[in-house]
Amino acid sequence: MVHIPLGRFAEPDEIAGAVAFLASDDSAFITASQFLVDGGISGAYVTPL
């Protein structure tokens, strides 16, 4: 868990909240974007050279 900035895995309702947002009218103006729900791991992880 030390590699995940939030220090834990997502709860199912957190993933469902992101899905509900993307399925709602609130996301109507979002196009061709990455919508990461990963606790920050993709931004924090660096592959060693």
PDB file of N, CA and C in Angstrom:
ATOM      1  N   MET A   1       0.813  -1.205   0.000  1.00  0.00           N
ATOM      2  CA  MET A   1       0.000   0.000   0.000  1.00  0.00           C
ATOM      3  C   MET A   1       0.853   1.263   0.000  1.00  0.00           C
ATOM      4  N   VAL A   2       2.133   1.137   0.287  1.00  0.00           N
ATOM      5  CA  VAL A   2       2.982   2.325   0.348  1.00  0.00           C
ATOM      6  C   VAL A   2       3.144   2.990  -1.012  1.00  0.00           C
ATOM      7  N   HIS A   3       2.878   2.266  -2.092  1.00  0.00           N
ATOM      8  CA  HIS A   3       3.013   2.825  -3.436  1.00  0.00           C
ATOM      9  C   HIS A   3       1.756   3.529  -3.913  1.00  0.00           C
ATOM     10  N   ILE A   4       0.672   3.396  -3.178  1.00  0.00           N
ATOM     11  CA  ILE A   4      -0.581   4.074  -3.521  1.00  0.00           C
ATOM     12  C   ILE A   4      -0.662   5.338  -2.666  1.00  0.00           C
ATOM     13  N   PRO A   5      -0.670   6.529  -3.301  1.00  0.00           N
ATOM     14  CA  PRO A   5      -0.657   7.765  -2.527  1.00  0.00           C
ATOM     15  C   PRO A   5      -1.760   7.863  -1.465  1.00  0.00           C
ATOM     16  N   LEU A   6      -2.925   7.337  -1.735  1.00  0.00           N
ATOM     17  CA  LEU A   6      -3.989   7.390  -0.733  1.00  0.00           C
ATOM     18  C   LEU A   6      -3.852   6.295   0.314  1.00  0.00           C
ATOM     19  N   GLY A   7      -2.941   5.341   0.078  1.00  0.00           N
ATOM     20  CA  GLY A   7      -2.644   4.324   1.074  1.00  0.00           C
ATOM     21  C   GLY A   7      -3.662   3.217   1.214  1.00  0.00           C
ATOM     22  N   ARG A   8      -4.549   3.082   0.243  1.00  0.00           N
ATOM     23  CA  ARG A   8      -5.575   2.030   0.312  1.00  0.00           C
ATOM     24  C   ARG A   8      -6.154   1.783  -1.071  1.00  0.00           C
ATOM     25  N   PHE A   9      -6.836   0.665  -1.221  1.00  0.00           N
ATOM     26  CA  PHE A   9      -7.561   0.391  -2.454  1.00  0.00           C
ATOM     27  C   PHE A   9      -8.894   1.130  -2.427  1.00  0.00           C
ATOM     28  N   ALA A  10      -9.471   1.332  -3.586  1.00  0.00           N
ATOM     29  CA  ALA A  10     -10.767   2.001  -3.691  1.00  0.00           C
ATOM     30  C   ALA A  10     -11.876   1.122  -3.140  1.00  0.00           C
ATOM     31  N   GLU A  11     -12.864   1.765  -2.589  1.00  0.00           N
ATOM     32  CA  GLU A  11     -14.088   1.075  -2.179  1.00  0.00           C
ATOM     33  C   GLU A  11     -15.011   1.002  -3.405  1.00  0.00           C
ATOM     34  N   PRO A  12     -15.846  -0.024  -3.488  1.00  0.00           N
ATOM     35  CA  PRO A  12     -16.747  -0.147  -4.640  1.00  0.00           C
ATOM     36  C   PRO A  12     -17.608   1.094  -4.883  1.00  0.00           C
ATOM     37  N   ASP A  13     -18.065   1.746  -3.824  1.00  0.00           N
ATOM     38  CA  ASP A  13     -18.906   2.927  -4.020  1.00  0.00           C
ATOM     39  C   ASP A  13     -18.118   4.106  -4.593  1.00  0.00           C
ATOM     40  N   GLU A  14     -16.801   4.128  -4.409  1.00  0.00           N
ATOM     41  CA  GLU A  14     -15.983   5.179  -5.005  1.00  0.00           C
ATOM     42  C   GLU A  14     -15.873   4.986  -6.521  1.00  0.00           C
ATOM     43  N   ILE A  15     -15.720   3.764  -6.949  1.00  0.00           N
ATOM     44  CA  ILE A  15     -15.697   3.467  -8.384  1.00  0.00           C
ATOM     45  C   ILE A  15     -17.075   3.728  -8.982  1.00  0.00           C
ATOM     46  N   ALA A  16     -18.115   3.308  -8.279  1.00  0.00           N
ATOM     47  CA  ALA A  16     -19.487   3.522  -8.754  1.00  0.00           C
ATOM     48  C   ALA A  16     -19.803   5.005  -8.877  1.00  0.00           C
ATOM     49  N   GLY A  17     -19.253   5.829  -7.977  1.00  0.00           N
ATOM     50  CA  GLY A  17     -19.473   7.268  -8.056  1.00  0.00           C
ATOM     51  C   GLY A  17     -18.883   7.859  -9.324  1.00  0.00           C
ATOM     52  N   ALA A  18     -17.701   7.392  -9.717  1.00  0.00           N
ATOM     53  CA  ALA A  18     -17.079   7.859 -10.957  1.00  0.00           C
ATOM     54  C   ALA A  18     -17.901   7.421 -12.166  1.00  0.00           C
ATOM     55  N   VAL A  19     -18.375   6.192 -12.141  1.00  0.00           N
ATOM     56  CA  VAL A  19     -19.210   5.688 -13.237  1.00  0.00           C
ATOM     57  C   VAL A  19     -20.510   6.476 -13.315  1.00  0.00           C
ATOM     58  N   ALA A  20     -21.132   6.740 -12.190  1.00  0.00           N
ATOM     59  CA  ALA A  20     -22.385   7.507 -12.162  1.00  0.00           C
ATOM     60  C   ALA A  20     -22.171   8.914 -12.710  1.00  0.00           C
ATOM     61  N   PHE A  21     -21.043   9.538 -12.353  1.00  0.00           N
ATOM     62  CA  PHE A  21     -20.743  10.872 -12.881  1.00  0.00           C
ATOM     63  C   PHE A  21     -20.617  10.835 -14.401  1.00  0.00           C
ATOM     64  N   LEU A  22     -19.847   9.873 -14.919  1.00  0.00           N
ATOM     65  CA  LEU A  22     -19.648   9.799 -16.366  1.00  0.00           C
ATOM     66  C   LEU A  22     -20.936   9.471 -17.114  1.00  0.00           C
ATOM     67  N   ALA A  23     -21.854   8.781 -16.466  1.00  0.00           N
ATOM     68  CA  ALA A  23     -23.140   8.444 -17.088  1.00  0.00           C
ATOM     69  C   ALA A  23     -24.166   9.558 -16.933  1.00  0.00           C
ATOM     70  N   SER A  24     -23.841  10.596 -16.160  1.00  0.00           N
ATOM     71  CA  SER A  24     -24.808  11.662 -15.893  1.00  0.00           C
ATOM     72  C   SER A  24     -24.657  12.825 -16.865  1.00  0.00           C
ATOM     73  N   ASP A  25     -25.627  13.717 -16.819  1.00  0.00           N
ATOM     74  CA  ASP A  25     -25.571  14.932 -17.633  1.00  0.00           C
ATOM     75  C   ASP A  25     -24.459  15.867 -17.179  1.00  0.00           C
ATOM     76  N   ASP A  26     -23.978  15.710 -15.955  1.00  0.00           N
ATOM     77  CA  ASP A  26     -22.889  16.557 -15.452  1.00  0.00           C
ATOM     78  C   ASP A  26     -21.595  16.383 -16.240  1.00  0.00           C
ATOM     79  N   SER A  27     -21.450  15.268 -16.922  1.00  0.00           N
ATOM     80  CA  SER A  27     -20.237  15.021 -17.707  1.00  0.00           C
ATOM     81  C   SER A  27     -20.482  15.230 -19.201  1.00  0.00           C
ATOM     82  N   ALA A  28     -21.536  15.929 -19.552  1.00  0.00           N
ATOM     83  CA  ALA A  28     -21.924  16.089 -20.951  1.00  0.00           C
ATOM     84  C   ALA A  28     -20.868  16.793 -21.800  1.00  0.00           C
ATOM     85  N   PHE A  29     -20.020  17.614 -21.213  1.00  0.00           N
ATOM     86  CA  PHE A  29     -19.039  18.378 -21.979  1.00  0.00           C
ATOM     87  C   PHE A  29     -17.650  17.744 -21.943  1.00  0.00           C
ATOM     88  N   ILE A  30     -17.551  16.541 -21.396  1.00  0.00           N
ATOM     89  CA  ILE A  30     -16.275  15.829 -21.336  1.00  0.00           C
ATOM     90  C   ILE A  30     -16.158  14.934 -22.560  1.00  0.00           C
ATOM     91  N   THR A  31     -15.064  15.122 -23.307  1.00  0.00           N
ATOM     92  CA  THR A  31     -14.830  14.291 -24.492  1.00  0.00           C
ATOM     93  C   THR A  31     -13.368  13.866 -24.540  1.00  0.00           C
ATOM     94  N   ALA A  32     -13.143  12.666 -24.982  1.00  0.00           N
ATOM     95  CA  ALA A  32     -11.795  12.135 -25.240  1.00  0.00           C
ATOM     96  C   ALA A  32     -10.812  12.436 -24.113  1.00  0.00           C
ATOM     97  N   SER A  33     -11.200  12.130 -22.909  1.00  0.00           N
ATOM     98  CA  SER A  33     -10.344  12.380 -21.756  1.00  0.00           C
ATOM     99  C   SER A  33     -10.087  11.098 -20.988  1.00  0.00           C
ATOM    100  N   GLN A  34      -8.952  11.072 -20.304  1.00  0.00           N
ATOM    101  CA  GLN A  34      -8.706   9.988 -19.368  1.00  0.00           C
ATOM    102  C   GLN A  34      -9.328  10.384 -18.047  1.00  0.00           C
ATOM    103  N   PHE A  35     -10.050   9.472 -17.474  1.00  0.00           N
ATOM    104  CA  PHE A  35     -10.704   9.715 -16.193  1.00  0.00           C
ATOM    105  C   PHE A  35     -10.192   8.648 -15.250  1.00  0.00           C
ATOM    106  N   LEU A  36      -9.082   8.925 -14.604  1.00  0.00           N
ATOM    107  CA  LEU A  36      -8.430   7.927 -13.760  1.00  0.00           C
ATOM    108  C   LEU A  36      -9.029   7.913 -12.365  1.00  0.00           C
ATOM    109  N   VAL A  37      -9.391   6.731 -11.942  1.00  0.00           N
ATOM    110  CA  VAL A  37      -9.884   6.527 -10.581  1.00  0.00           C
ATOM    111  C   VAL A  37      -8.972   5.459  -9.978  1.00  0.00           C
ATOM    112  N   ASP A  38      -7.771   5.910  -9.609  1.00  0.00           N
ATOM    113  CA  ASP A  38      -6.748   4.955  -9.187  1.00  0.00           C
ATOM    114  C   ASP A  38      -6.023   5.345  -7.903  1.00  0.00           C
ATOM    115  N   GLY A  39      -6.564   6.280  -7.172  1.00  0.00           N
ATOM    116  CA  GLY A  39      -5.955   6.681  -5.917  1.00  0.00           C
ATOM    117  C   GLY A  39      -4.634   7.418  -6.076  1.00  0.00           C
ATOM    118  N   GLY A  40      -4.335   7.846  -7.289  1.00  0.00           N
ATOM    119  CA  GLY A  40      -3.118   8.609  -7.546  1.00  0.00           C
ATOM    120  C   GLY A  40      -1.911   7.788  -7.942  1.00  0.00           C
ATOM    121  N   ILE A  41      -2.073   6.479  -8.054  1.00  0.00           N
ATOM    122  CA  ILE A  41      -0.916   5.622  -8.333  1.00  0.00           C
ATOM    123  C   ILE A  41      -0.311   5.898  -9.705  1.00  0.00           C
ATOM    124  N   SER A  42      -1.109   6.215 -10.706  1.00  0.00           N
ATOM    125  CA  SER A  42      -0.556   6.447 -12.039  1.00  0.00           C
ATOM    126  C   SER A  42       0.289   7.711 -12.091  1.00  0.00           C
ATOM    127  N   GLY A  43      -0.002   8.689 -11.272  1.00  0.00           N
ATOM    128  CA  GLY A  43       0.789   9.908 -11.232  1.00  0.00           C
ATOM    129  C   GLY A  43       2.003   9.808 -10.333  1.00  0.00           C
ATOM    130  N   ALA A  44       2.014   8.871  -9.422  1.00  0.00           N
ATOM    131  CA  ALA A  44       3.091   8.755  -8.453  1.00  0.00           C
ATOM    132  C   ALA A  44       4.119   7.714  -8.839  1.00  0.00           C
ATOM    133  N   TYR A  45       3.720   6.739  -9.624  1.00  0.00           N
ATOM    134  CA  TYR A  45       4.630   5.647  -9.955  1.00  0.00           C
ATOM    135  C   TYR A  45       5.597   6.063 -11.052  1.00  0.00           C
ATOM    136  N   VAL A  46       6.881   5.846 -10.825  1.00  0.00           N
ATOM    137  CA  VAL A  46       7.910   6.164 -11.804  1.00  0.00           C
ATOM    138  C   VAL A  46       8.708   4.898 -12.059  1.00  0.00           C
ATOM    139  N   THR A  47       8.859   4.541 -13.331  1.00  0.00           N
ATOM    140  CA  THR A  47       9.644   3.369 -13.693  1.00  0.00           C
ATOM    141  C   THR A  47      11.119   3.726 -13.634  1.00  0.00           C
ATOM    142  N   PRO A  48      11.913   2.964 -12.913  1.00  0.00           N
ATOM    143  CA  PRO A  48      13.343   3.251 -12.846  1.00  0.00           C
ATOM    144  C   PRO A  48      14.008   3.081 -14.217  1.00  0.00           C
ATOM    145  N   LEU A  49      15.026   3.878 -14.479  1.00  0.00           N
ATOM    146  CA  LEU A  49      15.747   3.776 -15.767  1.00  0.00           C
ATOM    147  C   LEU A  49      16.668   2.603 -15.795  1.00  0.00           C
TER     148      LEU A  49
END
